[in-house]
mmCIF file of all heavy atoms, coordinates in Angstrom:
data_MODEL
# 
_entry.id   MODEL 
# 
loop_
_atom_site.group_PDB 
_atom_site.id 
_atom_site.type_symbol 
_atom_site.label_atom_id 
_atom_site.label_alt_id 
_atom_site.label_comp_id 
_atom_site.label_asym_id 
_atom_site.label_entity_id 
_atom_site.label_seq_id 
_atom_site.pdbx_PDB_ins_code 
_atom_site.Cartn_x 
_atom_site.Cartn_y 
_atom_site.Cartn_z 
_atom_site.occupancy 
_atom_site.B_iso_or_equiv 
_atom_site.pdbx_formal_charge 
_atom_site.auth_seq_id 
_atom_site.auth_comp_id 
_atom_site.auth_asym_id 
_atom_site.auth_atom_id 
_atom_site.pdbx_PDB_model_num 
ATOM 1   N N   . LEU A 1 1  ? 133.257 111.035 196.037 1.00 0.00 ? 1  LEU A N   1 
ATOM 2   C CA  . LEU A 1 1  ? 133.397 112.107 197.028 1.00 0.00 ? 1  LEU A CA  1 
ATOM 3   C C   . LEU A 1 1  ? 132.233 112.123 198.012 1.00 0.00 ? 1  LEU A C   1 
ATOM 4   O O   . LEU A 1 1  ? 131.079 111.859 197.644 1.00 0.00 ? 1  LEU A O   1 
ATOM 5   C CB  . LEU A 1 1  ? 133.480 113.458 196.317 1.00 0.00 ? 1  LEU A CB  1 
ATOM 6   C CG  . LEU A 1 1  ? 134.810 113.785 195.635 1.00 0.00 ? 1  LEU A CG  1 
ATOM 7   C CD1 . LEU A 1 1  ? 134.632 114.924 194.631 1.00 0.00 ? 1  LEU A CD1 1 
ATOM 8   C CD2 . LEU A 1 1  ? 135.889 114.140 196.666 1.00 0.00 ? 1  LEU A CD2 1 
ATOM 9   N N   . ILE A 1 2  ? 132.570 112.476 199.249 1.00 0.00 ? 2  ILE A N   1 
ATOM 10  C CA  . ILE A 1 2  ? 131.582 112.731 200.288 1.00 0.00 ? 2  ILE A CA  1 
ATOM 11  C C   . ILE A 1 2  ? 131.848 114.141 200.787 1.00 0.00 ? 2  ILE A C   1 
ATOM 12  O O   . ILE A 1 2  ? 132.902 114.423 201.363 1.00 0.00 ? 2  ILE A O   1 
ATOM 13  C CB  . ILE A 1 2  ? 131.701 111.721 201.444 1.00 0.00 ? 2  ILE A CB  1 
ATOM 14  C CG1 . ILE A 1 2  ? 131.557 110.286 200.912 1.00 0.00 ? 2  ILE A CG1 1 
ATOM 15  C CG2 . ILE A 1 2  ? 130.660 112.011 202.508 1.00 0.00 ? 2  ILE A CG2 1 
ATOM 16  C CD1 . ILE A 1 2  ? 131.954 109.230 201.914 1.00 0.00 ? 2  ILE A CD1 1 
ATOM 17  N N   . ILE A 1 3  ? 130.905 115.051 200.541 1.00 0.00 ? 3  ILE A N   1 
ATOM 18  C CA  . ILE A 1 3  ? 131.086 116.447 200.925 1.00 0.00 ? 3  ILE A CA  1 
ATOM 19  C C   . ILE A 1 3  ? 130.029 116.827 201.954 1.00 0.00 ? 3  ILE A C   1 
ATOM 20  O O   . ILE A 1 3  ? 128.825 116.658 201.714 1.00 0.00 ? 3  ILE A O   1 
ATOM 21  C CB  . ILE A 1 3  ? 131.006 117.380 199.698 1.00 0.00 ? 3  ILE A CB  1 
ATOM 22  C CG1 . ILE A 1 3  ? 132.112 117.022 198.694 1.00 0.00 ? 3  ILE A CG1 1 
ATOM 23  C CG2 . ILE A 1 3  ? 131.138 118.845 200.119 1.00 0.00 ? 3  ILE A CG2 1 
ATOM 24  C CD1 . ILE A 1 3  ? 132.114 117.873 197.442 1.00 0.00 ? 3  ILE A CD1 1 
ATOM 25  N N   . ASN A 1 4  ? 130.491 117.287 203.116 1.00 0.00 ? 4  ASN A N   1 
ATOM 26  C CA  . ASN A 1 4  ? 129.606 117.660 204.230 1.00 0.00 ? 4  ASN A CA  1 
ATOM 27  C C   . ASN A 1 4  ? 128.656 116.519 204.580 1.00 0.00 ? 4  ASN A C   1 
ATOM 28  O O   . ASN A 1 4  ? 127.457 116.721 204.831 1.00 0.00 ? 4  ASN A O   1 
ATOM 29  C CB  . ASN A 1 4  ? 128.836 118.940 203.888 1.00 0.00 ? 4  ASN A CB  1 
ATOM 30  C CG  . ASN A 1 4  ? 129.761 120.122 203.663 1.00 0.00 ? 4  ASN A CG  1 
ATOM 31  O OD1 . ASN A 1 4  ? 130.799 120.251 204.317 1.00 0.00 ? 4  ASN A OD1 1 
ATOM 32  N ND2 . ASN A 1 4  ? 129.418 120.996 202.731 1.00 0.00 ? 4  ASN A ND2 1 
ATOM 33  N N   . GLY A 1 5  ? 129.220 115.316 204.578 1.00 0.00 ? 5  GLY A N   1 
ATOM 34  C CA  . GLY A 1 5  ? 128.459 114.136 204.989 1.00 0.00 ? 5  GLY A CA  1 
ATOM 35  C C   . GLY A 1 5  ? 127.563 113.526 203.924 1.00 0.00 ? 5  GLY A C   1 
ATOM 36  O O   . GLY A 1 5  ? 126.932 112.499 204.163 1.00 0.00 ? 5  GLY A O   1 
ATOM 37  N N   . LYS A 1 6  ? 127.521 114.115 202.733 1.00 0.00 ? 6  LYS A N   1 
ATOM 38  C CA  . LYS A 1 6  ? 126.648 113.619 201.672 1.00 0.00 ? 6  LYS A CA  1 
ATOM 39  C C   . LYS A 1 6  ? 127.481 113.091 200.511 1.00 0.00 ? 6  LYS A C   1 
ATOM 40  O O   . LYS A 1 6  ? 128.318 113.802 199.954 1.00 0.00 ? 6  LYS A O   1 
ATOM 41  C CB  . LYS A 1 6  ? 125.726 114.743 201.175 1.00 0.00 ? 6  LYS A CB  1 
ATOM 42  C CG  . LYS A 1 6  ? 124.758 114.308 200.099 1.00 0.00 ? 6  LYS A CG  1 
ATOM 43  C CD  . LYS A 1 6  ? 123.891 115.476 199.647 1.00 0.00 ? 6  LYS A CD  1 
ATOM 44  C CE  . LYS A 1 6  ? 122.960 115.068 198.520 1.00 0.00 ? 6  LYS A CE  1 
ATOM 45  N NZ  . LYS A 1 6  ? 122.132 116.219 198.051 1.00 0.00 ? 6  LYS A NZ  1 
ATOM 46  N N   . LYS A 1 7  ? 127.219 111.815 200.143 1.00 0.00 ? 7  LYS A N   1 
ATOM 47  C CA  . LYS A 1 7  ? 127.937 111.224 199.007 1.00 0.00 ? 7  LYS A CA  1 
ATOM 48  C C   . LYS A 1 7  ? 127.368 111.771 197.710 1.00 0.00 ? 7  LYS A C   1 
ATOM 49  O O   . LYS A 1 7  ? 126.148 111.835 197.528 1.00 0.00 ? 7  LYS A O   1 
ATOM 50  C CB  . LYS A 1 7  ? 127.821 109.699 199.038 1.00 0.00 ? 7  LYS A CB  1 
ATOM 51  C CG  . LYS A 1 7  ? 128.589 109.012 197.903 1.00 0.00 ? 7  LYS A CG  1 
ATOM 52  C CD  . LYS A 1 7  ? 128.614 107.491 198.049 1.00 0.00 ? 7  LYS A CD  1 
ATOM 53  C CE  . LYS A 1 7  ? 129.623 107.079 199.101 1.00 0.00 ? 7  LYS A CE  1 
ATOM 54  N NZ  . LYS A 1 7  ? 129.859 105.611 199.090 1.00 0.00 ? 7  LYS A NZ  1 
ATOM 55  N N   . LEU A 1 8  ? 128.261 112.170 196.808 1.00 0.00 ? 8  LEU A N   1 
ATOM 56  C CA  . LEU A 1 8  ? 127.827 112.690 195.517 1.00 0.00 ? 8  LEU A CA  1 
ATOM 57  C C   . LEU A 1 8  ? 127.258 111.564 194.654 1.00 0.00 ? 8  LEU A C   1 
ATOM 58  O O   . LEU A 1 8  ? 127.540 110.385 194.877 1.00 0.00 ? 8  LEU A O   1 
ATOM 59  C CB  . LEU A 1 8  ? 128.997 113.360 194.786 1.00 0.00 ? 8  LEU A CB  1 
ATOM 60  C CG  . LEU A 1 8  ? 129.751 114.479 195.505 1.00 0.00 ? 8  LEU A CG  1 
ATOM 61  C CD1 . LEU A 1 8  ? 130.689 115.184 194.527 1.00 0.00 ? 8  LEU A CD1 1 
ATOM 62  C CD2 . LEU A 1 8  ? 128.799 115.474 196.145 1.00 0.00 ? 8  LEU A CD2 1 
ATOM 63  N N   . THR A 1 9  ? 126.465 111.941 193.661 1.00 0.00 ? 9  THR A N   1 
ATOM 64  C CA  . THR A 1 9  ? 125.903 110.961 192.740 1.00 0.00 ? 9  THR A CA  1 
ATOM 65  C C   . THR A 1 9  ? 126.752 110.899 191.468 1.00 0.00 ? 9  THR A C   1 
ATOM 66  O O   . THR A 1 9  ? 127.306 111.912 191.021 1.00 0.00 ? 9  THR A O   1 
ATOM 67  C CB  . THR A 1 9  ? 124.448 111.305 192.363 1.00 0.00 ? 9  THR A CB  1 
ATOM 68  O OG1 . THR A 1 9  ? 124.399 112.607 191.760 1.00 0.00 ? 9  THR A OG1 1 
ATOM 69  C CG2 . THR A 1 9  ? 123.567 111.298 193.604 1.00 0.00 ? 9  THR A CG2 1 
ATOM 70  N N   . TYR A 1 10 ? 126.831 109.712 190.894 1.00 0.00 ? 10 TYR A N   1 
ATOM 71  C CA  . TYR A 1 10 ? 127.644 109.465 189.711 1.00 0.00 ? 10 TYR A CA  1 
ATOM 72  C C   . TYR A 1 10 ? 126.837 108.680 188.692 1.00 0.00 ? 10 TYR A C   1 
ATOM 73  O O   . TYR A 1 10 ? 126.040 107.818 189.041 1.00 0.00 ? 10 TYR A O   1 
ATOM 74  C CB  . TYR A 1 10 ? 128.911 108.681 190.073 1.00 0.00 ? 10 TYR A CB  1 
ATOM 75  C CG  . TYR A 1 10 ? 129.856 109.456 190.969 1.00 0.00 ? 10 TYR A CG  1 
ATOM 76  C CD1 . TYR A 1 10 ? 129.677 109.491 192.347 1.00 0.00 ? 10 TYR A CD1 1 
ATOM 77  C CD2 . TYR A 1 10 ? 130.914 110.173 190.427 1.00 0.00 ? 10 TYR A CD2 1 
ATOM 78  C CE1 . TYR A 1 10 ? 130.526 110.203 193.166 1.00 0.00 ? 10 TYR A CE1 1 
ATOM 79  C CE2 . TYR A 1 10 ? 131.777 110.892 191.241 1.00 0.00 ? 10 TYR A CE2 1 
ATOM 80  C CZ  . TYR A 1 10 ? 131.583 110.910 192.609 1.00 0.00 ? 10 TYR A CZ  1 
ATOM 81  O OH  . TYR A 1 10 ? 132.426 111.629 193.407 1.00 0.00 ? 10 TYR A OH  1 
ATOM 82  N N   . ALA A 1 11 ? 127.056 109.000 187.411 1.00 0.00 ? 11 ALA A N   1 
ATOM 83  C CA  . ALA A 1 11 ? 126.390 108.283 186.325 1.00 0.00 ? 11 ALA A CA  1 
ATOM 84  C C   . ALA A 1 11 ? 127.446 107.812 185.330 1.00 0.00 ? 11 ALA A C   1 
ATOM 85  O O   . ALA A 1 11 ? 128.329 108.584 184.938 1.00 0.00 ? 11 ALA A O   1 
ATOM 86  C CB  . ALA A 1 11 ? 125.368 109.187 185.631 1.00 0.00 ? 11 ALA A CB  1 
ATOM 87  N N   . TYR A 1 12 ? 127.358 106.545 184.922 1.00 0.00 ? 12 TYR A N   1 
ATOM 88  C CA  . TYR A 1 12 ? 128.303 105.984 183.965 1.00 0.00 ? 12 TYR A CA  1 
ATOM 89  C C   . TYR A 1 12 ? 128.203 106.718 182.637 1.00 0.00 ? 12 TYR A C   1 
ATOM 90  O O   . TYR A 1 12 ? 127.112 107.026 182.162 1.00 0.00 ? 12 TYR A O   1 
ATOM 91  C CB  . TYR A 1 12 ? 128.011 104.493 183.768 1.00 0.00 ? 12 TYR A CB  1 
ATOM 92  C CG  . TYR A 1 12 ? 128.849 103.840 182.687 1.00 0.00 ? 12 TYR A CG  1 
ATOM 93  C CD1 . TYR A 1 12 ? 130.140 103.389 182.959 1.00 0.00 ? 12 TYR A CD1 1 
ATOM 94  C CD2 . TYR A 1 12 ? 128.343 103.685 181.398 1.00 0.00 ? 12 TYR A CD2 1 
ATOM 95  C CE1 . TYR A 1 12 ? 130.913 102.799 181.972 1.00 0.00 ? 12 TYR A CE1 1 
ATOM 96  C CE2 . TYR A 1 12 ? 129.109 103.092 180.404 1.00 0.00 ? 12 TYR A CE2 1 
ATOM 97  C CZ  . TYR A 1 12 ? 130.387 102.650 180.691 1.00 0.00 ? 12 TYR A CZ  1 
ATOM 98  O OH  . TYR A 1 12 ? 131.140 102.065 179.707 1.00 0.00 ? 12 TYR A OH  1 
ATOM 99  N N   . GLN A 1 13 ? 129.354 107.003 182.019 1.00 0.00 ? 13 GLN A N   1 
ATOM 100 C CA  . GLN A 1 13 ? 129.382 107.704 180.737 1.00 0.00 ? 13 GLN A CA  1 
ATOM 101 C C   . GLN A 1 13 ? 129.936 106.822 179.624 1.00 0.00 ? 13 GLN A C   1 
ATOM 102 O O   . GLN A 1 13 ? 129.265 106.568 178.628 1.00 0.00 ? 13 GLN A O   1 
ATOM 103 C CB  . GLN A 1 13 ? 130.196 108.992 180.858 1.00 0.00 ? 13 GLN A CB  1 
ATOM 104 C CG  . GLN A 1 13 ? 130.072 109.938 179.672 1.00 0.00 ? 13 GLN A CG  1 
ATOM 105 C CD  . GLN A 1 13 ? 130.775 111.265 179.928 1.00 0.00 ? 13 GLN A CD  1 
ATOM 106 O OE1 . GLN A 1 13 ? 131.678 111.379 180.751 1.00 0.00 ? 13 GLN A OE1 1 
ATOM 107 N NE2 . GLN A 1 13 ? 130.345 112.299 179.215 1.00 0.00 ? 13 GLN A NE2 1 
ATOM 108 N N   . GLN A 1 14 ? 131.186 106.349 179.790 1.00 0.00 ? 14 GLN A N   1 
ATOM 109 C CA  . GLN A 1 14 ? 131.773 105.483 178.765 1.00 0.00 ? 14 GLN A CA  1 
ATOM 110 C C   . GLN A 1 14 ? 132.988 104.768 179.330 1.00 0.00 ? 14 GLN A C   1 
ATOM 111 O O   . GLN A 1 14 ? 133.566 105.178 180.330 1.00 0.00 ? 14 GLN A O   1 
ATOM 112 C CB  . GLN A 1 14 ? 132.183 106.286 177.527 1.00 0.00 ? 14 GLN A CB  1 
ATOM 113 C CG  . GLN A 1 14 ? 133.353 107.231 177.759 1.00 0.00 ? 14 GLN A CG  1 
ATOM 114 C CD  . GLN A 1 14 ? 133.788 107.941 176.487 1.00 0.00 ? 14 GLN A CD  1 
ATOM 115 O OE1 . GLN A 1 14 ? 132.993 108.202 175.603 1.00 0.00 ? 14 GLN A OE1 1 
ATOM 116 N NE2 . GLN A 1 14 ? 135.063 108.274 176.399 1.00 0.00 ? 14 GLN A NE2 1 
ATOM 117 N N   . SER A 1 15 ? 133.383 103.665 178.638 1.00 0.00 ? 15 SER A N   1 
ATOM 118 C CA  . SER A 1 15 ? 134.558 102.902 179.039 1.00 0.00 ? 15 SER A CA  1 
ATOM 119 C C   . SER A 1 15 ? 135.697 103.179 178.067 1.00 0.00 ? 15 SER A C   1 
ATOM 120 O O   . SER A 1 15 ? 135.480 103.343 176.860 1.00 0.00 ? 15 SER A O   1 
ATOM 121 C CB  . SER A 1 15 ? 134.237 101.403 179.062 1.00 0.00 ? 15 SER A CB  1 
ATOM 122 O OG  . SER A 1 15 ? 135.357 100.668 179.505 1.00 0.00 ? 15 SER A OG  1 
ATOM 123 N N   . ASN A 1 16 ? 136.914 103.241 178.610 1.00 0.00 ? 16 ASN A N   1 
ATOM 124 C CA  . ASN A 1 16 ? 138.117 103.423 177.806 1.00 0.00 ? 16 ASN A CA  1 
ATOM 125 C C   . ASN A 1 16 ? 139.006 102.189 177.977 1.00 0.00 ? 16 ASN A C   1 
ATOM 126 O O   . ASN A 1 16 ? 138.616 101.234 178.649 1.00 0.00 ? 16 ASN A O   1 
ATOM 127 C CB  . ASN A 1 16 ? 138.848 104.689 178.249 1.00 0.00 ? 16 ASN A CB  1 
ATOM 128 C CG  . ASN A 1 16 ? 137.919 105.890 178.350 1.00 0.00 ? 16 ASN A CG  1 
ATOM 129 O OD1 . ASN A 1 16 ? 137.277 106.267 177.377 1.00 0.00 ? 16 ASN A OD1 1 
ATOM 130 N ND2 . ASN A 1 16 ? 137.822 106.482 179.536 1.00 0.00 ? 16 ASN A ND2 1 
ATOM 131 N N   . THR A 1 17 ? 140.196 102.208 177.410 1.00 0.00 ? 17 THR A N   1 
ATOM 132 C CA  . THR A 1 17 ? 141.070 101.033 177.463 1.00 0.00 ? 17 THR A CA  1 
ATOM 133 C C   . THR A 1 17 ? 141.406 100.629 178.890 1.00 0.00 ? 17 THR A C   1 
ATOM 134 O O   . THR A 1 17 ? 141.263 99.455  179.267 1.00 0.00 ? 17 THR A O   1 
ATOM 135 C CB  . THR A 1 17 ? 142.382 101.317 176.693 1.00 0.00 ? 17 THR A CB  1 
ATOM 136 O OG1 . THR A 1 17 ? 142.062 101.686 175.347 1.00 0.00 ? 17 THR A OG1 1 
ATOM 137 C CG2 . THR A 1 17 ? 143.274 100.084 176.687 1.00 0.00 ? 17 THR A CG2 1 
ATOM 138 N N   . ASP A 1 18 ? 141.848 101.584 179.709 1.00 0.00 ? 18 ASP A N   1 
ATOM 139 C CA  . ASP A 1 18 ? 142.241 101.268 181.076 1.00 0.00 ? 18 ASP A CA  1 
ATOM 140 C C   . ASP A 1 18 ? 141.504 102.108 182.111 1.00 0.00 ? 18 ASP A C   1 
ATOM 141 O O   . ASP A 1 18 ? 141.908 102.194 183.271 1.00 0.00 ? 18 ASP A O   1 
ATOM 142 C CB  . ASP A 1 18 ? 143.747 101.441 181.250 1.00 0.00 ? 18 ASP A CB  1 
ATOM 143 C CG  . ASP A 1 18 ? 144.228 102.838 180.870 1.00 0.00 ? 18 ASP A CG  1 
ATOM 144 O OD1 . ASP A 1 18 ? 143.378 103.657 180.467 1.00 0.00 ? 18 ASP A OD1 1 
ATOM 145 O OD2 . ASP A 1 18 ? 145.439 103.111 180.979 1.00 0.00 ? 18 ASP A OD2 1 
ATOM 146 N N   . SER A 1 19 ? 140.431 102.744 181.696 1.00 0.00 ? 19 SER A N   1 
ATOM 147 C CA  . SER A 1 19 ? 139.664 103.610 182.600 1.00 0.00 ? 19 SER A CA  1 
ATOM 148 C C   . SER A 1 19 ? 138.230 103.722 182.107 1.00 0.00 ? 19 SER A C   1 
ATOM 149 O O   . SER A 1 19 ? 137.882 103.190 181.050 1.00 0.00 ? 19 SER A O   1 
ATOM 150 C CB  . SER A 1 19 ? 140.295 105.004 182.671 1.00 0.00 ? 19 SER A CB  1 
ATOM 151 O OG  . SER A 1 19 ? 140.241 105.632 181.397 1.00 0.00 ? 19 SER A OG  1 
ATOM 152 N N   . PHE A 1 20 ? 137.408 104.407 182.895 1.00 0.00 ? 20 PHE A N   1 
ATOM 153 C CA  . PHE A 1 20 ? 136.065 104.726 182.425 1.00 0.00 ? 20 PHE A CA  1 
ATOM 154 C C   . PHE A 1 20 ? 135.680 106.115 182.906 1.00 0.00 ? 20 PHE A C   1 
ATOM 155 O O   . PHE A 1 20 ? 136.211 106.621 183.902 1.00 0.00 ? 20 PHE A O   1 
ATOM 156 C CB  . PHE A 1 20 ? 135.035 103.671 182.836 1.00 0.00 ? 20 PHE A CB  1 
ATOM 157 C CG  . PHE A 1 20 ? 134.929 103.419 184.313 1.00 0.00 ? 20 PHE A CG  1 
ATOM 158 C CD1 . PHE A 1 20 ? 134.028 104.106 185.100 1.00 0.00 ? 20 PHE A CD1 1 
ATOM 159 C CD2 . PHE A 1 20 ? 135.745 102.460 184.921 1.00 0.00 ? 20 PHE A CD2 1 
ATOM 160 C CE1 . PHE A 1 20 ? 133.921 103.865 186.458 1.00 0.00 ? 20 PHE A CE1 1 
ATOM 161 C CE2 . PHE A 1 20 ? 135.658 102.212 186.282 1.00 0.00 ? 20 PHE A CE2 1 
ATOM 162 C CZ  . PHE A 1 20 ? 134.741 102.919 187.050 1.00 0.00 ? 20 PHE A CZ  1 
ATOM 163 N N   . ASP A 1 21 ? 134.792 106.747 182.156 1.00 0.00 ? 21 ASP A N   1 
ATOM 164 C CA  . ASP A 1 21 ? 134.350 108.104 182.459 1.00 0.00 ? 21 ASP A CA  1 
ATOM 165 C C   . ASP A 1 21 ? 132.979 108.076 183.114 1.00 0.00 ? 21 ASP A C   1 
ATOM 166 O O   . ASP A 1 21 ? 132.104 107.281 182.739 1.00 0.00 ? 21 ASP A O   1 
ATOM 167 C CB  . ASP A 1 21 ? 134.283 108.949 181.181 1.00 0.00 ? 21 ASP A CB  1 
ATOM 168 C CG  . ASP A 1 21 ? 135.642 109.122 180.524 1.00 0.00 ? 21 ASP A CG  1 
ATOM 169 O OD1 . ASP A 1 21 ? 136.653 108.822 181.183 1.00 0.00 ? 21 ASP A OD1 1 
ATOM 170 O OD2 . ASP A 1 21 ? 135.679 109.564 179.360 1.00 0.00 ? 21 ASP A OD2 1 
ATOM 171 N N   . LYS A 1 22 ? 132.816 108.971 184.089 1.00 0.00 ? 22 LYS A N   1 
ATOM 172 C CA  . LYS A 1 22 ? 131.530 109.108 184.785 1.00 0.00 ? 22 LYS A CA  1 
ATOM 173 C C   . LYS A 1 22 ? 131.159 110.587 184.855 1.00 0.00 ? 22 LYS A C   1 
ATOM 174 O O   . LYS A 1 22 ? 132.018 111.459 184.757 1.00 0.00 ? 22 LYS A O   1 
ATOM 175 C CB  . LYS A 1 22 ? 131.628 108.546 186.207 1.00 0.00 ? 22 LYS A CB  1 
ATOM 176 C CG  . LYS A 1 22 ? 131.989 107.082 186.291 1.00 0.00 ? 22 LYS A CG  1 
ATOM 177 C CD  . LYS A 1 22 ? 131.790 106.525 187.700 1.00 0.00 ? 22 LYS A CD  1 
ATOM 178 C CE  . LYS A 1 22 ? 132.786 107.067 188.682 1.00 0.00 ? 22 LYS A CE  1 
ATOM 179 N NZ  . LYS A 1 22 ? 132.659 106.426 190.022 1.00 0.00 ? 22 LYS A NZ  1 
ATOM 180 N N   . ILE A 1 23 ? 129.877 110.836 185.018 1.00 0.00 ? 23 ILE A N   1 
ATOM 181 C CA  . ILE A 1 23 ? 129.401 112.199 185.280 1.00 0.00 ? 23 ILE A CA  1 
ATOM 182 C C   . ILE A 1 23 ? 129.283 112.360 186.787 1.00 0.00 ? 23 ILE A C   1 
ATOM 183 O O   . ILE A 1 23 ? 128.566 111.608 187.452 1.00 0.00 ? 23 ILE A O   1 
ATOM 184 C CB  . ILE A 1 23 ? 128.034 112.467 184.610 1.00 0.00 ? 23 ILE A CB  1 
ATOM 185 C CG1 . ILE A 1 23 ? 128.125 112.292 183.093 1.00 0.00 ? 23 ILE A CG1 1 
ATOM 186 C CG2 . ILE A 1 23 ? 127.553 113.884 184.961 1.00 0.00 ? 23 ILE A CG2 1 
ATOM 187 C CD1 . ILE A 1 23 ? 128.985 113.300 182.396 1.00 0.00 ? 23 ILE A CD1 1 
ATOM 188 N N   . GLU A 1 24 ? 129.990 113.323 187.309 1.00 0.00 ? 24 GLU A N   1 
ATOM 189 C CA  . GLU A 1 24 ? 129.959 113.617 188.738 1.00 0.00 ? 24 GLU A CA  1 
ATOM 190 C C   . GLU A 1 24 ? 129.067 114.831 188.979 1.00 0.00 ? 24 GLU A C   1 
ATOM 191 O O   . GLU A 1 24 ? 129.231 115.868 188.327 1.00 0.00 ? 24 GLU A O   1 
ATOM 192 C CB  . GLU A 1 24 ? 131.376 113.896 189.236 1.00 0.00 ? 24 GLU A CB  1 
ATOM 193 C CG  . GLU A 1 24 ? 131.489 114.239 190.703 1.00 0.00 ? 24 GLU A CG  1 
ATOM 194 C CD  . GLU A 1 24 ? 132.936 114.450 191.107 1.00 0.00 ? 24 GLU A CD  1 
ATOM 195 O OE1 . GLU A 1 24 ? 133.470 115.559 190.864 1.00 0.00 ? 24 GLU A OE1 1 
ATOM 196 O OE2 . GLU A 1 24 ? 133.548 113.502 191.628 1.00 0.00 ? 24 GLU A OE2 1 
ATOM 197 N N   . ASP A 1 25 ? 128.127 114.711 189.885 1.00 0.00 ? 25 ASP A N   1 
ATOM 198 C CA  . ASP A 1 25 ? 127.257 115.829 190.247 1.00 0.00 ? 25 ASP A CA  1 
ATOM 199 C C   . ASP A 1 25 ? 127.832 116.487 191.497 1.00 0.00 ? 25 ASP A C   1 
ATOM 200 O O   . ASP A 1 25 ? 127.574 116.060 192.622 1.00 0.00 ? 25 ASP A O   1 
ATOM 201 C CB  . ASP A 1 25 ? 125.825 115.339 190.502 1.00 0.00 ? 25 ASP A CB  1 
ATOM 202 C CG  . ASP A 1 25 ? 124.841 116.489 190.691 1.00 0.00 ? 25 ASP A CG  1 
ATOM 203 O OD1 . ASP A 1 25 ? 125.282 117.636 190.888 1.00 0.00 ? 25 ASP A OD1 1 
ATOM 204 O OD2 . ASP A 1 25 ? 123.625 116.240 190.643 1.00 0.00 ? 25 ASP A OD2 1 
ATOM 205 N N   . LEU A 1 26 ? 128.620 117.518 191.270 1.00 0.00 ? 26 LEU A N   1 
ATOM 206 C CA  . LEU A 1 26 ? 129.335 118.206 192.350 1.00 0.00 ? 26 LEU A CA  1 
ATOM 207 C C   . LEU A 1 26 ? 128.451 119.332 192.889 1.00 0.00 ? 26 LEU A C   1 
ATOM 208 O O   . LEU A 1 26 ? 128.593 120.502 192.516 1.00 0.00 ? 26 LEU A O   1 
ATOM 209 C CB  . LEU A 1 26 ? 130.675 118.734 191.824 1.00 0.00 ? 26 LEU A CB  1 
ATOM 210 C CG  . LEU A 1 26 ? 131.682 119.326 192.809 1.00 0.00 ? 26 LEU A CG  1 
ATOM 211 C CD1 . LEU A 1 26 ? 132.018 118.330 193.909 1.00 0.00 ? 26 LEU A CD1 1 
ATOM 212 C CD2 . LEU A 1 26 ? 132.938 119.751 192.075 1.00 0.00 ? 26 LEU A CD2 1 
# 
């Protein structure tokens, strides 16, 4: 996401079979 011109930061959390989870700093 880019909100008001600023891209949010993301941190890797874990991998799943067909996806992966991240921490989104909203």
